[in-house]
Protein backbone atom coordinates (compact mmCIF):
# COMPACT_ATOMS: atom_id res chain seq x y z
CA MET A 1 27.38 127.10 -188.83
CA ASN A 2 28.04 129.35 -185.88
CA CYS A 3 25.45 131.88 -184.75
CA TYR A 4 27.28 135.17 -185.12
CA VAL A 5 24.05 137.09 -184.54
CA CYS A 6 24.03 135.49 -181.10
CA ALA A 7 27.69 136.41 -180.64
CA ALA A 8 26.94 140.06 -181.40
CA ILE A 9 24.01 140.09 -178.97
CA ARG A 10 26.02 138.43 -176.23
CA LEU A 11 28.99 140.72 -176.73
CA THR A 12 26.71 143.75 -176.53
CA ALA A 13 25.06 142.43 -173.37
CA TYR A 14 28.46 141.70 -171.82
CA MET A 15 29.76 145.18 -172.58
CA LEU A 16 26.63 146.85 -171.21
CA LEU A 17 26.76 144.76 -168.04
CA THR A 18 30.43 145.59 -167.51
CA LEU A 19 29.99 149.30 -168.17
CA VAL A 20 27.09 149.49 -165.72
CA LEU A 21 28.75 147.58 -162.88
CA LEU A 22 32.31 148.93 -163.20
CA PRO A 23 31.59 152.32 -161.60
CA VAL A 24 29.45 150.66 -158.93
CA GLN A 25 32.34 148.42 -157.91
CA MET A 26 34.77 151.34 -157.97
CA VAL A 27 32.60 153.30 -155.56
CA ALA A 28 32.09 150.24 -153.35
CA ILE A 29 35.85 149.70 -153.07
CA ALA A 30 36.57 153.40 -152.47
CA CYS A 31 33.95 153.54 -149.70
CA ASN A 32 35.00 150.17 -148.24
CA MET A 33 31.47 148.85 -148.65
CA ARG A 34 30.51 145.21 -148.15
CA LEU A 35 29.11 145.32 -151.68
CA ALA A 36 32.70 145.27 -152.98
CA GLU A 37 32.97 141.63 -151.84
CA GLN A 38 29.54 140.56 -153.07
CA LEU A 39 29.26 142.26 -156.45
CA PRO A 40 32.01 140.28 -158.27
CA ARG A 41 30.13 137.03 -157.64
CA VAL A 42 26.92 138.49 -159.06
CA TYR A 43 28.85 139.88 -162.02
CA HIS A 44 30.44 136.49 -162.79
CA ALA A 45 27.06 134.76 -162.54
CA LEU A 46 25.50 137.25 -164.94
CA CYS A 47 28.41 136.73 -167.34
CA LEU A 48 27.72 132.99 -167.35
CA ARG A 49 24.09 133.69 -168.25
CA ILE A 50 25.19 135.88 -171.13
CA LEU A 51 27.84 133.41 -172.30
CA HIS A 52 25.32 130.55 -172.02
CA ILE A 53 27.55 128.44 -169.75
CA GLU A 54 25.83 125.84 -167.61
CA VAL A 55 27.68 124.89 -164.42
CA ARG A 56 27.18 121.47 -162.86
CA VAL A 57 28.69 120.58 -159.50
CA SER A 58 29.41 117.20 -157.94
CA GLY A 59 31.40 116.02 -154.94
CA GLY A 60 31.36 117.96 -151.68
CA ASP A 61 30.67 121.56 -150.77
CA LEU A 62 33.03 124.46 -151.20
CA MET A 63 34.58 125.33 -147.85
CA ASP A 64 33.48 128.28 -145.78
CA GLY A 65 35.87 130.78 -144.26
CA PRO A 66 39.48 131.53 -145.18
CA GLY A 67 41.40 129.09 -147.34
CA VAL A 68 42.69 128.47 -150.85
CA ILE A 69 40.76 126.78 -153.66
CA VAL A 70 43.19 125.15 -156.09
CA ALA A 71 41.96 124.25 -159.57
CA ASN A 72 43.19 123.26 -163.01
CA HIS A 73 43.14 125.98 -165.63
CA ALA A 74 42.15 125.75 -169.29
CA SER A 75 40.66 129.15 -170.08
CA TYR A 76 39.85 132.67 -168.93
CA LEU A 77 36.31 131.28 -168.79
CA ASP A 78 37.33 129.34 -165.66
CA ILE A 79 37.32 132.68 -163.84
CA PRO A 80 33.58 133.45 -164.10
CA VAL A 81 32.79 129.76 -163.54
CA LEU A 82 34.59 129.66 -160.19
CA GLY A 83 33.88 133.30 -159.36
CA ALA A 84 30.14 132.68 -159.59
CA LEU A 85 30.24 129.67 -157.27
CA THR A 86 31.75 131.32 -154.22
CA ARG A 87 32.74 134.69 -152.85
CA ALA A 88 36.50 134.66 -153.29
CA SER A 89 39.40 136.55 -154.84
CA PHE A 90 41.78 135.20 -157.46
CA ILE A 91 45.54 134.85 -157.31
CA ALA A 92 46.73 135.96 -160.73
CA LYS A 93 49.99 136.43 -162.60
CA THR A 94 51.44 139.92 -162.40
CA GLU A 95 51.12 140.46 -166.16
CA VAL A 96 47.33 140.06 -165.93
CA ALA A 97 47.18 143.44 -164.18
CA SER A 98 48.35 145.15 -167.38
CA TRP A 99 45.85 143.46 -169.69
CA PRO A 100 43.29 145.81 -171.23
CA VAL A 101 39.81 145.50 -169.68
CA PHE A 102 40.47 142.15 -168.00
CA GLY A 103 43.29 143.63 -165.94
CA LEU A 104 40.96 146.30 -164.60
CA LEU A 105 38.29 143.70 -163.88
CA ALA A 106 40.85 141.60 -161.98
CA LYS A 107 41.84 144.60 -159.87
CA LEU A 108 38.23 145.48 -159.10
CA SER A 109 37.56 141.90 -158.01
CA ARG A 110 40.36 142.34 -155.45
CA SER A 111 42.72 139.85 -157.10
CA THR A 112 46.19 139.32 -155.67
CA PHE A 113 48.95 139.52 -158.29
CA VAL A 114 52.05 137.35 -157.89
CA GLU A 115 55.26 136.78 -159.81
CA ARG A 116 56.73 133.38 -160.50
CA ARG A 117 60.24 134.45 -159.44
CA ALA A 118 61.56 132.85 -156.26
CA VAL A 119 63.12 136.15 -155.13
CA ARG A 120 59.61 137.57 -154.56
CA SER A 121 58.24 134.51 -152.82
CA ARG A 122 58.65 135.83 -149.25
CA ASP A 123 56.89 139.14 -149.94
CA GLN A 124 54.13 137.40 -151.85
CA ASN A 125 53.63 134.81 -149.12
CA ASP A 126 53.27 137.65 -146.62
CA GLN A 127 50.68 139.25 -148.88
CA LEU A 128 48.68 136.03 -149.24
CA SER A 129 48.90 135.32 -145.51
CA GLU A 130 47.55 138.78 -144.76
CA ARG A 131 44.56 138.14 -147.01
CA LEU A 132 43.91 134.79 -145.32
CA ASN A 133 44.32 136.30 -141.86
CA ASN A 134 41.65 138.84 -142.80
CA GLY A 135 39.27 135.96 -143.50
CA ASP A 136 39.49 136.01 -147.29
CA LYS A 137 39.05 132.99 -149.51
CA LEU A 138 41.46 132.80 -152.45
CA ILE A 139 41.38 130.92 -155.75
CA LEU A 140 44.66 129.63 -157.18
CA PHE A 141 45.54 128.03 -160.52
CA PRO A 142 48.79 126.29 -159.49
CA GLU A 143 49.63 125.02 -162.98
CA GLY A 144 50.88 128.54 -163.65
CA THR A 145 49.35 128.67 -167.14
CA SER A 146 46.32 127.46 -169.08
CA ASN A 147 46.28 124.38 -171.30
CA ASP A 148 44.12 122.55 -173.83
CA GLY A 149 41.67 121.26 -171.22
CA ASN A 150 42.43 117.60 -171.94
CA ARG A 151 44.92 117.18 -169.10
CA VAL A 152 46.23 118.72 -165.90
CA LEU A 153 49.73 120.18 -165.82
CA PRO A 154 52.07 119.74 -162.81
CA PHE A 155 51.28 122.02 -159.87
CA LYS A 156 53.97 124.49 -158.78
CA SER A 157 54.68 123.90 -155.08
CA THR A 158 56.03 127.44 -154.59
CA LEU A 159 52.47 128.72 -154.72
CA PHE A 160 51.56 126.54 -151.74
CA ALA A 161 53.89 128.40 -149.37
CA ALA A 162 50.92 129.91 -147.53
CA ALA A 163 50.31 126.43 -146.14
CA GLU A 164 53.32 126.94 -143.88
CA ARG A 165 51.62 129.82 -142.08
CA THR A 166 48.87 129.53 -139.50
CA LEU A 167 45.64 131.50 -139.23
CA PRO A 168 44.94 133.83 -136.26
CA ASP A 169 42.99 131.06 -134.49
CA GLY A 170 46.02 128.75 -134.71
CA SER A 171 44.54 126.48 -137.38
CA GLN A 172 46.31 125.52 -140.58
CA VAL A 173 45.37 126.96 -143.96
CA LYS A 174 42.98 124.72 -145.87
CA PHE A 175 43.59 123.95 -149.54
CA GLN A 176 40.58 122.61 -151.43
CA PRO A 177 41.17 120.85 -154.78
CA VAL A 178 38.56 121.57 -157.45
CA SER A 179 38.42 120.00 -160.92
CA ILE A 180 37.07 121.92 -163.92
CA ALA A 181 36.13 120.26 -167.22
CA ALA A 182 34.19 121.50 -170.25
CA THR A 183 32.18 118.41 -171.15
CA ARG A 184 29.19 119.19 -173.37
CA LEU A 185 28.01 121.49 -176.14
CA ASP A 186 24.23 121.68 -176.51
CA GLY A 187 24.02 118.45 -174.53
CA ALA A 188 26.40 116.48 -176.78
CA PRO A 189 29.79 115.36 -175.43
CA ILE A 190 32.71 117.59 -176.40
CA GLY A 191 35.61 115.66 -177.91
CA ARG A 192 39.29 116.39 -177.57
CA ASP A 193 39.43 118.67 -180.62
CA LEU A 194 36.26 120.66 -179.91
CA ARG A 195 37.42 121.40 -176.36
CA ALA A 196 39.67 124.08 -177.89
CA PHE A 197 36.53 126.19 -178.38
CA TYR A 198 36.47 126.53 -174.57
CA SER A 199 40.18 126.30 -173.80
CA TRP A 200 42.46 129.29 -174.37
CA TYR A 201 46.15 128.54 -174.32
CA GLY A 202 49.45 128.85 -176.15
CA ASP A 203 49.58 131.70 -178.65
CA MET A 204 45.81 131.98 -179.14
CA ASP A 205 44.57 135.57 -179.52
CA LEU A 206 42.00 136.50 -176.91
CA ALA A 207 39.52 138.55 -178.97
CA PRO A 208 38.97 136.00 -181.80
CA HIS A 209 38.66 133.17 -179.28
CA LEU A 210 36.04 135.03 -177.23
CA TRP A 211 34.11 135.95 -180.39
CA GLN A 212 34.13 132.32 -181.56
CA PHE A 213 32.98 131.12 -178.14
CA MET A 214 30.13 133.59 -178.02
CA ALA A 215 28.84 132.16 -181.31
CA LEU A 216 28.52 128.67 -179.81
CA GLY A 217 25.58 127.07 -178.05
CA LYS A 218 25.22 126.10 -174.40
CA VAL A 219 28.49 124.82 -172.95
CA THR A 220 28.33 122.59 -169.88
CA VAL A 221 31.19 122.85 -167.40
CA GLU A 222 31.54 120.16 -164.75
CA ILE A 223 32.95 121.14 -161.35
CA VAL A 224 34.15 118.36 -159.04
CA VAL A 225 34.72 119.55 -155.46
CA HIS A 226 37.15 117.54 -153.33
CA PRO A 227 37.63 117.62 -149.53
CA PRO A 228 40.05 120.29 -148.21
CA VAL A 229 43.53 119.26 -147.07
CA THR A 230 46.18 120.95 -144.94
CA LEU A 231 49.92 120.72 -144.50
CA ALA A 232 49.40 118.16 -141.74
CA ASP A 233 47.71 115.83 -144.24
CA ALA A 234 50.88 116.04 -146.36
CA ALA A 235 53.23 115.17 -143.48
CA GLY A 236 54.37 118.78 -143.26
CA SER A 237 55.69 118.88 -146.83
CA ARG A 238 54.63 121.71 -149.12
CA LYS A 239 55.66 119.70 -152.18
CA GLU A 240 53.62 116.73 -151.03
CA LEU A 241 50.63 119.00 -150.45
CA ALA A 242 50.93 120.28 -154.03
CA ARG A 243 51.23 116.70 -155.30
CA MET A 244 48.14 115.60 -153.33
CA CYS A 245 46.06 118.45 -154.70
CA GLU A 246 47.29 117.83 -158.22
CA ALA A 247 46.37 114.13 -158.01
CA LYS A 248 42.86 114.90 -156.76
CA VAL A 249 42.26 117.57 -159.40
CA ALA A 250 43.57 115.34 -162.21
CA GLN A 251 41.46 112.40 -161.03
CA GLY A 252 38.26 114.48 -160.93
CA HIS A 253 39.07 116.13 -164.25
CA GLN A 254 39.50 112.85 -166.10
CA ALA A 255 36.41 111.36 -164.48
CA ALA A 256 34.37 114.37 -165.60
CA LEU A 257 35.68 114.08 -169.17
CA ARG A 258 34.69 110.39 -169.23
CA GLY A 259 31.21 111.18 -167.95
CA ILE A 260 31.70 109.51 -164.58
CA HIS A 261 31.06 112.78 -162.76
CA GLN A 262 27.83 114.39 -163.92
CA GLY A 263 26.89 117.00 -161.38
CA VAL A 264 23.72 118.85 -160.55
CA PRO A 265 23.02 122.11 -162.41
CA VAL A 266 23.61 125.08 -160.14
CA GLN A 267 21.33 128.11 -160.02
CA LEU A 268 23.98 130.78 -159.58
CA ILE A 269 21.66 133.74 -159.10
CA ASP A 270 18.69 133.88 -156.76
CA SER A 271 15.48 134.36 -158.70
CA ASP A 272 14.83 137.55 -156.73
CA LEU A 273 18.13 139.13 -157.67
CA SER A 274 19.11 141.21 -160.66
CA GLY A 275 20.13 138.15 -162.63
CA GLU A 276 16.57 137.86 -163.86
CA LEU A 277 17.00 141.23 -165.54
CA VAL A 278 19.47 139.59 -167.91
CA GLY A 279 18.15 136.03 -167.88
CA PHE A 280 14.65 136.99 -168.97
CA SER A 281 15.34 140.21 -170.81
CA PRO A 282 14.53 140.83 -174.50
CA LEU A 283 18.22 140.32 -175.28
CA ALA A 284 18.12 136.80 -173.89
CA ILE A 285 14.86 135.99 -175.67
CA ILE A 286 16.26 137.22 -179.00
CA CYS A 287 19.41 135.19 -178.39
CA GLU A 288 17.32 132.05 -177.90
CA ASP A 289 15.28 132.75 -181.02
CA PHE A 290 18.35 133.12 -183.21
CA ARG A 291 20.34 130.15 -181.90
CA LEU A 292 21.08 127.61 -184.64
CA PHE A 293 21.63 124.65 -182.35
CA GLY A 294 20.89 121.17 -183.61
CA PRO A 295 22.34 117.68 -183.97
CA ASP A 296 23.68 118.51 -187.43
CA ARG A 297 25.49 121.64 -186.21
CA GLN A 298 28.60 122.48 -188.19
CA PHE A 299 31.67 124.27 -186.81
CA GLY A 300 33.97 126.57 -188.65
CA ALA A 301 34.55 130.13 -189.74
């Protein structure tokens, strides 16, 4: 059965963490402090500790400097996973800005909101180019929506228009493909059906899905990092660039699901930072004591 005591503890810890850090980030943004860029990464890492998500990384290193990370998208949980790995801002759908709680969090993490309509493409490309010119790193989910986590949907080439601009130093914008796959639950491989406990898609309601996820055990998420590419690598074609990134992401995703890619666990928070306040707090200890994880674990309501 699921550990709903754990879910209640984790939800409480998540709410407390968010309530404490929200005003801090608001002040940091209002005062144009450097903390405004650093705090979201710490927040995402702490969320992963609370949610009991283990991140493993294989492949290369995430690029430094301005550029766009492009990844497949199965769940809102992909956001803290990627947000904890690197200091970057997300490119999100316009409707996300109006979501309760999560919309505010997206704004405070300096997300850029875009519409899928072609008539807005020029203005949005200017907005993305400005962020890149300022040295920002952006994270893009070019599928345009989330899915069941068992496949990768076609990438929308419109969202790669920033590749046609150059950075202030004259270099081309780098696009780095990254594959995300939820692969294990308490160390056991997650099958096609059980992956829905991580994935959030279709007409799923957010609150019940999050509650169900918080009642689970430790979920392992594999990240496969591929080398960055530019428009020159795609013979100057934006569509070809999107296709190349899609192929790399799909290849790494399927390899991770088959167990070919098994990365190294990543320590997302330095042991001297505030992450230890959550990681080794009484809440975390209680959560460990009440977990009902075992080989005969049953799933259901």
